[in-house]
N, C-alpha and C. Protein backbone atom coordinates (compact mmCIF):
# COMPACT_ATOMS: atom_id res chain seq x y z
N UNK A 1 6.25 -24.86 -20.89
CA UNK A 1 5.98 -26.14 -19.86
C UNK A 1 6.25 -25.59 -18.28
N UNK A 2 5.48 -24.33 -17.72
CA UNK A 2 5.80 -23.62 -17.04
C UNK A 2 3.93 -23.93 -15.85
N UNK A 3 4.21 -24.59 -15.05
CA UNK A 3 3.42 -25.29 -13.81
C UNK A 3 2.79 -24.58 -13.25
N UNK A 4 1.96 -24.05 -12.93
CA UNK A 4 1.46 -23.26 -11.81
C UNK A 4 0.57 -22.94 -11.70
N UNK A 5 0.45 -23.36 -10.15
CA UNK A 5 -0.28 -23.28 -9.32
C UNK A 5 -1.53 -22.65 -9.18
N UNK A 6 -2.85 -23.09 -9.09
CA UNK A 6 -4.21 -22.51 -9.00
C UNK A 6 -4.22 -21.20 -7.81
N UNK A 7 -4.80 -20.02 -8.17
CA UNK A 7 -4.63 -19.77 -6.83
C UNK A 7 -6.21 -19.59 -6.68
N UNK A 8 -6.41 -19.79 -5.41
CA UNK A 8 -7.66 -20.14 -4.28
C UNK A 8 -8.36 -18.29 -4.41
N UNK A 9 -9.79 -17.95 -4.60
CA UNK A 9 -9.28 -16.85 -4.13
C UNK A 9 -11.41 -17.14 -3.45
N UNK A 10 -11.46 -15.70 -3.13
CA UNK A 10 -12.74 -16.29 -1.93
C UNK A 10 -13.60 -14.74 -2.44
N UNK A 11 -14.84 -15.36 -3.34
CA UNK A 11 -15.81 -14.08 -4.12
C UNK A 11 -15.09 -12.76 -4.81
N UNK A 12 -14.11 -14.15 -5.46
CA UNK A 12 -13.34 -13.45 -6.93
C UNK A 12 -12.07 -12.22 -5.83
N UNK A 13 -11.64 -12.66 -4.77
CA UNK A 13 -10.94 -11.40 -4.41
C UNK A 13 -9.41 -12.43 -4.27
N UNK A 14 -8.26 -12.13 -4.26
CA UNK A 14 -7.38 -13.05 -3.80
C UNK A 14 -6.73 -13.15 -2.41
N UNK A 15 -6.53 -14.04 -1.65
CA UNK A 15 -6.19 -14.42 -0.21
C UNK A 15 -4.87 -13.29 -0.38
N UNK A 16 -4.66 -12.77 0.64
CA UNK A 16 -3.03 -11.93 0.85
C UNK A 16 -1.93 -13.57 1.22
N UNK A 17 -2.93 -14.61 2.47
CA UNK A 17 -2.09 -15.61 3.14
C UNK A 17 -2.10 -16.65 1.71
N UNK A 18 -3.56 -17.34 0.64
CA UNK A 18 -2.62 -17.83 -0.32
C UNK A 18 -2.07 -17.28 -0.90
N UNK A 19 -1.59 -16.41 -1.28
CA UNK A 19 -0.63 -15.25 -2.11
C UNK A 19 1.11 -16.20 -1.47
N UNK A 20 0.97 -15.65 -0.70
CA UNK A 20 2.29 -15.90 0.40
C UNK A 20 2.38 -17.29 0.48
N UNK A 21 1.17 -18.29 0.93
CA UNK A 21 1.78 -19.89 0.11
C UNK A 21 2.39 -19.95 -0.68
N UNK A 22 1.59 -19.42 -1.86
CA UNK A 22 1.70 -19.54 -3.73
C UNK A 22 3.34 -18.95 -3.56
N UNK A 23 3.87 -18.03 -3.24
CA UNK A 23 5.30 -17.55 -2.97
C UNK A 23 6.15 -18.02 -2.65
N UNK A 24 6.11 -19.02 -1.27
CA UNK A 24 6.91 -19.63 -0.34
C UNK A 24 7.30 -21.33 -1.42
N UNK A 25 5.67 -21.72 -2.00
CA UNK A 25 5.81 -22.81 -2.34
C UNK A 25 6.41 -22.91 -3.93
N UNK A 26 6.58 -21.77 -4.87
CA UNK A 26 7.50 -21.37 -6.03
C UNK A 26 8.77 -21.12 -5.39
N UNK A 27 8.98 -20.83 -4.41
CA UNK A 27 10.49 -20.71 -3.75
C UNK A 27 11.03 -22.05 -3.13
N UNK A 28 10.32 -23.19 -2.92
CA UNK A 28 10.72 -24.08 -2.23
C UNK A 28 11.12 -25.05 -4.19
N UNK A 29 10.05 -24.69 -4.15
CA UNK A 29 10.56 -25.15 -5.78
C UNK A 29 11.70 -25.22 -6.87
N UNK A 30 11.76 -23.74 -6.52
CA UNK A 30 12.86 -23.38 -7.17
C UNK A 30 14.26 -23.32 -6.01
N UNK A 31 14.59 -23.63 -5.33
CA UNK A 31 15.46 -24.22 -4.35
C UNK A 31 15.56 -25.67 -4.70
N UNK A 32 14.95 -26.68 -4.67
CA UNK A 32 14.72 -28.11 -5.35
C UNK A 32 15.36 -27.97 -6.60
N UNK A 33 14.69 -27.12 -7.66
CA UNK A 33 15.24 -27.37 -8.76
C UNK A 33 16.72 -26.81 -9.11
N UNK A 34 17.43 -25.39 -8.00
CA UNK A 34 18.64 -25.38 -8.19
C UNK A 34 19.61 -26.50 -7.44
N UNK A 35 19.43 -27.27 -6.57
CA UNK A 35 19.92 -27.92 -6.09
C UNK A 35 20.20 -29.06 -7.32
N UNK A 36 19.06 -29.68 -7.83
CA UNK A 36 19.18 -30.67 -8.64
C UNK A 36 20.16 -30.35 -9.87
N UNK A 37 20.01 -29.15 -10.67
CA UNK A 37 21.40 -28.38 -11.74
C UNK A 37 22.35 -28.80 -10.53
N UNK A 38 22.85 -28.40 -9.74
CA UNK A 38 23.92 -28.74 -9.08
C UNK A 38 24.75 -29.60 -9.50
N UNK A 39 23.98 -30.25 -8.61
CA UNK A 39 24.62 -31.72 -9.03
C UNK A 39 24.65 -32.71 -9.98
N UNK A 40 23.71 -32.35 -11.20
CA UNK A 40 24.05 -32.64 -11.93
C UNK A 40 25.23 -32.39 -12.83
N UNK A 41 25.15 -30.54 -12.66
CA UNK A 41 26.42 -29.86 -13.50
C UNK A 41 27.71 -30.67 -12.74
N UNK A 42 27.97 -31.19 -11.34
CA UNK A 42 29.41 -31.50 -10.23
C UNK A 42 29.15 -33.04 -10.75
N UNK A 43 28.46 -33.39 -11.32
CA UNK A 43 28.62 -34.62 -11.41
C UNK A 43 29.24 -35.15 -12.43
N UNK A 44 28.84 -34.02 -13.45
CA UNK A 44 30.20 -33.80 -15.40
C UNK A 44 30.96 -33.26 -15.37
N UNK A 45 31.39 -32.53 -13.70
CA UNK A 45 33.26 -32.31 -14.05
C UNK A 45 32.77 -30.44 -13.81
N UNK A 46 31.13 -30.08 -14.23
CA UNK A 46 31.31 -28.72 -13.83
C UNK A 46 30.86 -28.31 -12.43
N UNK A 47 32.25 -28.04 -11.93
CA UNK A 47 32.27 -27.97 -10.52
C UNK A 47 32.06 -26.48 -10.39
N UNK A 48 32.29 -25.76 -10.97
CA UNK A 48 31.95 -24.07 -10.15
C UNK A 48 31.05 -23.65 -10.73
N UNK A 49 30.45 -24.32 -11.48
CA UNK A 49 28.81 -23.64 -11.75
C UNK A 49 28.14 -25.06 -11.21
N UNK A 50 28.43 -26.00 -11.20
CA UNK A 50 27.89 -26.55 -9.76
C UNK A 50 27.64 -25.95 -8.50
N UNK A 51 28.62 -25.56 -8.14
CA UNK A 51 28.35 -25.24 -6.66
C UNK A 51 27.39 -23.92 -6.53
N UNK A 52 27.46 -23.21 -7.96
CA UNK A 52 27.22 -22.49 -7.83
C UNK A 52 25.26 -22.17 -7.73
N UNK A 53 24.68 -23.27 -8.81
CA UNK A 53 23.91 -23.64 -8.16
C UNK A 53 23.58 -23.69 -7.45
N UNK A 54 24.43 -24.78 -6.09
CA UNK A 54 23.96 -24.78 -5.10
C UNK A 54 23.85 -23.79 -4.66
N UNK A 55 24.70 -22.70 -4.10
CA UNK A 55 24.65 -21.73 -3.50
C UNK A 55 22.53 -20.55 -3.99
N UNK A 56 22.43 -21.22 -4.79
CA UNK A 56 21.51 -20.33 -5.35
C UNK A 56 20.38 -21.63 -4.55
N UNK A 57 20.48 -22.67 -4.66
CA UNK A 57 19.10 -22.88 -3.79
C UNK A 57 19.00 -22.15 -2.39
N UNK A 58 20.47 -22.28 -1.60
CA UNK A 58 20.30 -22.06 -0.38
C UNK A 58 20.15 -20.53 -0.04
N UNK A 59 20.11 -19.87 -1.22
CA UNK A 59 19.57 -18.47 -1.41
C UNK A 59 18.15 -18.25 -1.19
N UNK A 60 17.41 -19.25 -2.45
CA UNK A 60 15.93 -19.36 -2.29
C UNK A 60 15.22 -19.35 -0.96
N UNK A 61 16.03 -20.95 -0.30
CA UNK A 61 15.38 -21.54 1.00
C UNK A 61 15.48 -20.65 1.99
N UNK A 62 16.98 -19.54 2.37
CA UNK A 62 16.92 -18.36 2.76
C UNK A 62 15.62 -17.38 2.63
N UNK A 63 15.88 -16.89 1.31
CA UNK A 63 14.31 -16.21 1.34
C UNK A 63 12.93 -16.53 1.15
N UNK A 64 12.74 -18.07 1.47
CA UNK A 64 11.60 -18.75 1.71
C UNK A 64 11.44 -18.39 3.68
N UNK A 65 12.22 -18.65 4.28
CA UNK A 65 12.80 -18.31 5.89
C UNK A 65 12.17 -17.22 5.71
N UNK A 66 12.80 -15.93 5.24
CA UNK A 66 12.80 -14.64 5.30
C UNK A 66 11.21 -14.25 5.68
N UNK A 67 10.70 -14.76 4.27
CA UNK A 67 9.03 -14.39 3.31
C UNK A 67 8.43 -14.81 4.84
N UNK A 68 8.76 -15.77 5.16
CA UNK A 68 7.31 -16.91 6.08
C UNK A 68 8.20 -16.29 7.58
N UNK A 69 8.95 -15.56 7.93
CA UNK A 69 9.61 -14.86 9.75
C UNK A 69 7.98 -13.88 9.17
N UNK A 70 8.69 -12.97 8.00
CA UNK A 70 8.36 -11.90 7.75
C UNK A 70 6.23 -11.82 7.86
N UNK A 71 6.11 -12.48 7.24
CA UNK A 71 4.09 -13.39 7.17
C UNK A 71 3.85 -13.32 8.30
N UNK A 72 4.34 -14.17 9.13
CA UNK A 72 3.73 -14.30 10.56
C UNK A 72 4.41 -13.01 11.47
N UNK A 73 4.68 -12.13 11.41
CA UNK A 73 4.99 -11.26 11.86
C UNK A 73 4.00 -10.46 12.04
N UNK A 74 3.51 -10.79 13.77
CA UNK A 74 2.02 -9.40 14.56
C UNK A 74 2.24 -8.02 14.41
N UNK A 75 1.56 -7.16 13.98
CA UNK A 75 1.58 -5.96 13.84
C UNK A 75 1.59 -5.48 15.33
N UNK A 76 2.90 -4.69 15.32
CA UNK A 76 3.03 -4.31 17.00
C UNK A 76 4.10 -5.03 17.93
N UNK A 77 4.16 -6.55 17.16
CA UNK A 77 5.04 -7.10 17.93
C UNK A 77 6.42 -6.95 17.85
N UNK A 78 7.32 -6.66 18.73
CA UNK A 78 8.90 -6.40 18.96
C UNK A 78 9.90 -7.58 17.74
N UNK A 79 10.29 -6.63 17.46
CA UNK A 79 11.25 -7.31 16.04
C UNK A 79 12.20 -8.83 16.22
């Protein structure tokens, strides 16, 4: 059931920008899924694992932000 996003190529070569966008999109999908599972677990009185899945969703969102910042940082620019 894996839904894969298509990779675009230019002259048969993968684009770094496209690959980063794919990574960010997959992380957003993972965050959304983790939040959904977390809410389902909490609704079914499994509060501990529900809260853990919500924390995983936050971690995926944080990773997405960090990757976005790293990808858009210019070479030679101050950190």
